[in-house]
Amino acid sequence: MGDVILVGLAVLVGLAVAAVMWLHSSLRAYGSSLEPLVQGIRQLRRMTGAVPRLVPLPEESPDVPVLARTEPDLERSDLHPVGDFQELGEDGKAAGAVRWFVSGDGTAYGWLGMTPQGPAMLLLSEVPGNGFVATLRAPQAPSTAVPPTVVQRTMAWDEGLDAALERHRAAVARMGTPSAVEGFEGALSSMSALKAHVAAWRAAQDPAGLLEADVREILGDRYEEMGETVVGLVGLAEEAAKG
């Protein structure tokens, strides 16, 4: 699919950026055990299509002033904050702080988050009848497979917000005319539509083929080295979990 981001969209989406970057670290440490990698892939697959679990960020959180320092850059780019939240992981514990924003014309929205690996930013737009565009500004992160109607791009944080917006809007223009959202509720509703779109596509795929596609996306150029083994182990683990 070309450049991809995380699930999360997976994930991604609701971006469990920290979990994805942990998975990337386990790839580099491959050799002693594949178990962390297998469990990481299973987590990414579970997260794909899941709407992020958000609760308001407590006023006393040390992340509040950190997020506040991002406001001038957002406002300069016509991206207006609509709420600060904690994103909850699968265990119900806080996984990171995010500031959601919506562009002045409502055609782009997303969040800026703080993770143990550094800042990350997701831009999203919906083009009714055609699909979605997602641009992730963060360290390299693997992703599960998504439909061709979801155009994903990733770029380094240091490339800057202006470059991210330029690339995002160019990709949106190639797809069509984006819809506009209003405030946090509108942004979350559009993200939920994206998640449902991805989940429906994945549900229609052959399970074995989808598993192979996910592992191929996640491993990238290491698929030929270890892909067949990882596909088998993930498949066995998922079958065992069903029992």
Protein backbone atom coordinates (compact mmCIF):
# COMPACT_ATOMS: atom_id res chain seq x y z
CA MET A 1 0.00 0.00 0.00
CA GLY A 2 2.98 2.29 -0.03
CA ASP A 3 3.65 4.29 3.09
CA VAL A 4 1.50 3.17 6.01
CA ILE A 5 0.98 4.34 9.53
CA LEU A 6 -0.08 2.43 12.49
CA VAL A 7 -3.02 0.74 13.30
CA GLY A 8 -4.29 2.20 15.11
CA LEU A 9 -4.94 3.90 13.10
CA ALA A 10 -4.68 0.44 14.69
CA VAL A 11 -3.62 2.30 15.23
CA LEU A 12 -3.51 3.63 15.22
CA VAL A 13 -5.89 4.91 15.77
CA GLY A 14 -6.42 5.53 18.72
CA LEU A 15 -3.08 5.48 18.39
CA ALA A 16 -1.44 3.45 20.94
CA VAL A 17 1.78 4.94 19.69
CA ALA A 18 3.71 3.73 22.71
CA ALA A 19 2.58 0.14 22.17
CA VAL A 20 3.50 0.31 18.51
CA MET A 21 6.94 1.71 19.22
CA TRP A 22 7.48 -1.03 21.82
CA LEU A 23 6.70 -3.53 19.08
CA HIS A 24 9.24 -1.84 16.80
CA SER A 25 11.84 -2.21 19.57
CA SER A 26 11.04 -5.91 19.89
CA LEU A 27 11.77 -6.33 16.20
CA ARG A 28 15.25 -4.91 16.69
CA ALA A 29 15.81 -7.25 19.62
CA TYR A 30 14.66 -10.32 17.66
CA GLY A 31 16.79 -13.35 18.35
CA SER A 32 16.10 -14.49 21.88
CA SER A 33 12.32 -14.89 21.68
CA LEU A 34 9.46 -14.17 19.31
CA GLU A 35 6.83 -14.15 22.06
CA PRO A 36 6.84 -10.34 22.62
CA LEU A 37 6.55 -9.80 18.87
CA VAL A 38 3.68 -12.28 18.55
CA GLN A 39 1.78 -10.68 21.43
CA GLY A 40 2.44 -7.20 20.02
CA ILE A 41 1.01 -8.19 16.64
CA ARG A 42 -2.05 -9.69 18.33
CA GLN A 43 -2.56 -6.44 20.21
CA LEU A 44 -2.28 -4.37 17.04
CA ARG A 45 -4.80 -6.63 15.30
CA ARG A 46 -7.24 -6.26 18.20
CA MET A 47 -6.84 -2.49 18.16
CA THR A 48 -7.55 -2.13 14.43
CA GLY A 49 -11.01 -0.67 14.02
CA ALA A 50 -11.38 0.16 17.72
CA VAL A 51 -12.44 3.67 18.65
CA PRO A 52 -10.05 5.24 21.19
CA ARG A 53 -11.14 5.23 24.83
CA LEU A 54 -10.80 8.79 26.06
CA VAL A 55 -11.36 10.53 29.38
CA PRO A 56 -10.77 14.22 30.15
CA LEU A 57 -7.18 14.98 31.10
CA PRO A 58 -7.05 15.95 34.81
CA GLU A 59 -6.20 19.61 35.35
CA GLU A 60 -3.35 18.63 37.68
CA SER A 61 -1.74 16.34 35.09
CA PRO A 62 1.89 17.28 34.27
CA ASP A 63 0.93 16.80 30.61
CA VAL A 64 -1.33 19.88 30.68
CA PRO A 65 1.48 22.49 30.44
CA VAL A 66 3.33 20.31 27.92
CA LEU A 67 0.30 20.21 25.64
CA ALA A 68 -0.33 23.92 26.21
CA ARG A 69 3.07 24.71 24.69
CA THR A 70 1.83 23.26 21.38
CA GLU A 71 -1.05 25.71 21.11
CA PRO A 72 0.81 28.56 19.31
CA ASP A 73 1.92 26.23 16.50
CA LEU A 74 -1.57 24.79 16.17
CA GLU A 75 -3.25 28.18 16.10
CA ARG A 76 -0.70 29.53 13.61
CA SER A 77 -1.72 26.72 11.29
CA ASP A 78 -5.47 27.31 11.83
CA LEU A 79 -5.79 24.16 13.95
CA HIS A 80 -7.93 24.93 16.98
CA PRO A 81 -7.80 22.84 20.19
CA VAL A 82 -11.10 21.20 21.14
CA GLY A 83 -10.09 19.24 24.23
CA ASP A 84 -7.32 17.49 26.16
CA PHE A 85 -7.78 13.82 27.00
CA GLN A 86 -6.11 10.75 28.39
CA GLU A 87 -6.22 7.79 26.05
CA LEU A 88 -6.80 4.52 27.89
CA GLY A 89 -5.09 1.27 26.98
CA GLU A 90 -6.62 -2.20 26.93
CA ASP A 91 -6.03 -2.49 30.66
CA GLY A 92 -7.96 0.70 31.37
CA LYS A 93 -4.84 2.58 32.42
CA ALA A 94 -3.76 5.90 30.92
CA ALA A 95 -1.61 5.26 27.84
CA GLY A 96 -0.88 8.87 26.89
CA ALA A 97 -2.14 12.45 26.78
CA VAL A 98 -3.64 13.88 23.61
CA ARG A 99 -4.86 17.30 22.53
CA TRP A 100 -7.54 17.08 19.86
CA PHE A 101 -7.93 19.86 17.29
CA VAL A 102 -10.07 20.82 14.30
CA SER A 103 -9.02 23.06 11.41
CA GLY A 104 -10.75 26.39 10.92
CA ASP A 105 -12.77 25.08 7.98
CA GLY A 106 -13.43 21.74 9.70
CA THR A 107 -11.97 19.66 6.86
CA ALA A 108 -9.03 18.34 8.90
CA TYR A 109 -8.91 17.17 12.48
CA GLY A 110 -6.83 14.96 14.71
CA TRP A 111 -4.70 14.98 17.79
CA LEU A 112 -1.25 15.77 19.09
CA GLY A 113 0.01 13.35 21.73
CA MET A 114 2.91 12.87 24.10
CA THR A 115 4.41 9.38 24.33
CA PRO A 116 7.52 7.95 25.99
CA GLN A 117 9.14 8.02 22.54
CA GLY A 118 8.38 11.71 21.97
CA PRO A 119 5.56 13.72 20.38
CA ALA A 120 3.22 12.32 17.74
CA MET A 121 0.54 13.96 15.64
CA LEU A 122 -2.29 12.54 13.53
CA LEU A 123 -4.16 14.47 10.83
CA LEU A 124 -7.39 13.00 9.44
CA SER A 125 -9.87 13.99 6.75
CA GLU A 126 -12.96 12.25 5.40
CA VAL A 127 -13.98 12.40 1.74
CA PRO A 128 -17.60 11.19 1.58
CA GLY A 129 -18.07 8.31 -0.83
CA ASN A 130 -14.34 7.93 -1.45
CA GLY A 131 -12.60 7.27 1.85
CA PHE A 132 -10.21 8.82 4.33
CA VAL A 133 -6.76 10.38 4.43
CA ALA A 134 -4.52 9.93 7.48
CA THR A 135 -1.15 11.59 7.96
CA LEU A 136 0.96 10.58 10.94
CA ARG A 137 3.83 12.76 12.09
CA ALA A 138 5.83 10.50 14.40
CA PRO A 139 8.68 8.00 14.59
CA GLN A 140 8.38 5.11 12.17
CA ALA A 141 5.64 2.74 13.25
CA PRO A 142 4.25 -0.48 11.78
CA SER A 143 0.61 -0.89 10.84
CA THR A 144 -1.91 -3.59 10.16
CA ALA A 145 -3.52 -3.80 6.72
CA VAL A 146 -6.27 -1.31 5.84
CA PRO A 147 -8.43 -0.92 2.71
CA PRO A 148 -7.17 1.03 -0.32
CA THR A 149 -9.86 3.62 0.46
CA VAL A 150 -7.75 4.70 3.46
CA VAL A 151 -4.74 6.67 2.25
CA GLN A 152 -2.04 6.63 4.91
CA ARG A 153 1.19 8.59 5.05
CA THR A 154 3.84 8.84 7.73
CA MET A 155 6.61 11.40 8.18
CA ALA A 156 9.24 12.31 10.72
CA TRP A 157 8.31 14.77 13.46
CA ASP A 158 11.25 16.99 12.52
CA GLU A 159 9.85 17.56 9.02
CA GLY A 160 7.48 20.02 10.65
CA LEU A 161 3.81 20.86 10.84
CA ASP A 162 3.72 22.94 7.65
CA ALA A 163 5.06 20.04 5.59
CA ALA A 164 2.59 17.64 7.22
CA LEU A 165 -0.36 19.90 6.40
CA GLU A 166 0.83 20.43 2.84
CA ARG A 167 1.16 16.71 2.14
CA HIS A 168 -2.09 15.91 3.89
CA ARG A 169 -4.10 18.49 1.96
CA ALA A 170 -2.54 17.42 -1.33
CA ALA A 171 -3.58 13.82 -0.67
CA VAL A 172 -7.10 14.95 0.25
CA ALA A 173 -7.38 17.03 -2.93
CA ARG A 174 -6.46 14.01 -5.04
CA MET A 175 -9.26 12.02 -3.39
CA GLY A 176 -12.01 14.62 -3.64
CA THR A 177 -13.86 17.20 -1.54
CA PRO A 178 -13.59 16.59 2.21
CA SER A 179 -16.48 16.92 4.61
CA ALA A 180 -16.31 19.37 7.51
CA VAL A 181 -16.62 18.43 11.18
CA GLU A 182 -17.59 20.58 14.13
CA GLY A 183 -15.74 20.42 17.43
CA PHE A 184 -14.58 17.36 19.30
CA GLU A 185 -17.82 15.44 18.89
CA GLY A 186 -17.74 15.88 15.13
CA ALA A 187 -14.11 14.82 14.98
CA LEU A 188 -14.71 11.74 17.12
CA SER A 189 -17.75 10.82 15.01
CA SER A 190 -15.67 10.98 11.82
CA MET A 191 -12.92 8.91 13.42
CA SER A 192 -15.53 6.37 14.48
CA ALA A 193 -16.71 6.22 10.86
CA LEU A 194 -13.11 5.58 9.79
CA LYS A 195 -12.73 2.80 12.35
CA ALA A 196 -16.01 1.21 11.25
CA HIS A 197 -14.94 1.45 7.60
CA VAL A 198 -11.66 -0.32 8.34
CA ALA A 199 -13.32 -2.93 10.55
CA ALA A 200 -15.95 -3.75 7.91
CA TRP A 201 -13.31 -4.20 5.23
CA ARG A 202 -11.20 -6.42 7.45
CA ALA A 203 -14.23 -8.54 8.39
CA ALA A 204 -14.85 -9.21 4.70
CA GLN A 205 -11.32 -10.50 4.06
CA ASP A 206 -10.18 -14.11 4.12
CA PRO A 207 -8.83 -14.57 7.69
CA ALA A 208 -5.64 -16.33 6.62
CA GLY A 209 -4.94 -13.78 3.92
CA LEU A 210 -5.59 -10.91 6.30
CA LEU A 211 -3.21 -12.34 8.90
CA GLU A 212 -0.49 -12.66 6.28
CA ALA A 213 -1.15 -9.09 5.08
CA ASP A 214 -0.96 -7.76 8.64
CA VAL A 215 2.32 -9.50 9.38
CA ARG A 216 3.74 -8.36 6.04
CA GLU A 217 2.85 -4.74 6.80
CA ILE A 218 4.27 -4.92 10.33
CA LEU A 219 7.53 -6.69 9.48
CA GLY A 220 8.19 -4.76 6.29
CA ASP A 221 11.50 -5.78 4.72
CA ARG A 222 11.98 -8.43 7.43
CA TYR A 223 8.99 -10.43 6.22
CA GLU A 224 11.07 -12.71 3.99
CA GLU A 225 13.36 -13.45 6.93
CA MET A 226 10.77 -14.32 9.56
CA GLY A 227 7.29 -13.78 8.13
CA GLU A 228 6.21 -17.41 7.69
CA THR A 229 7.24 -18.28 11.24
CA VAL A 230 5.52 -15.23 12.73
CA VAL A 231 2.30 -15.84 10.77
CA GLY A 232 2.19 -19.40 12.11
CA LEU A 233 2.83 -18.36 15.71
CA VAL A 234 0.27 -15.55 15.67
CA GLY A 235 -2.30 -17.88 14.11
CA LEU A 236 -1.70 -20.52 16.77
CA ALA A 237 -1.92 -17.95 19.59
CA GLU A 238 -5.18 -16.53 18.28
CA GLU A 239 -6.72 -19.99 17.88
CA ALA A 240 -5.66 -20.90 21.43
CA ALA A 241 -7.24 -17.71 22.76
CA LYS A 242 -10.59 -18.66 21.19
CA GLY A 243 -10.62 -21.96 23.12
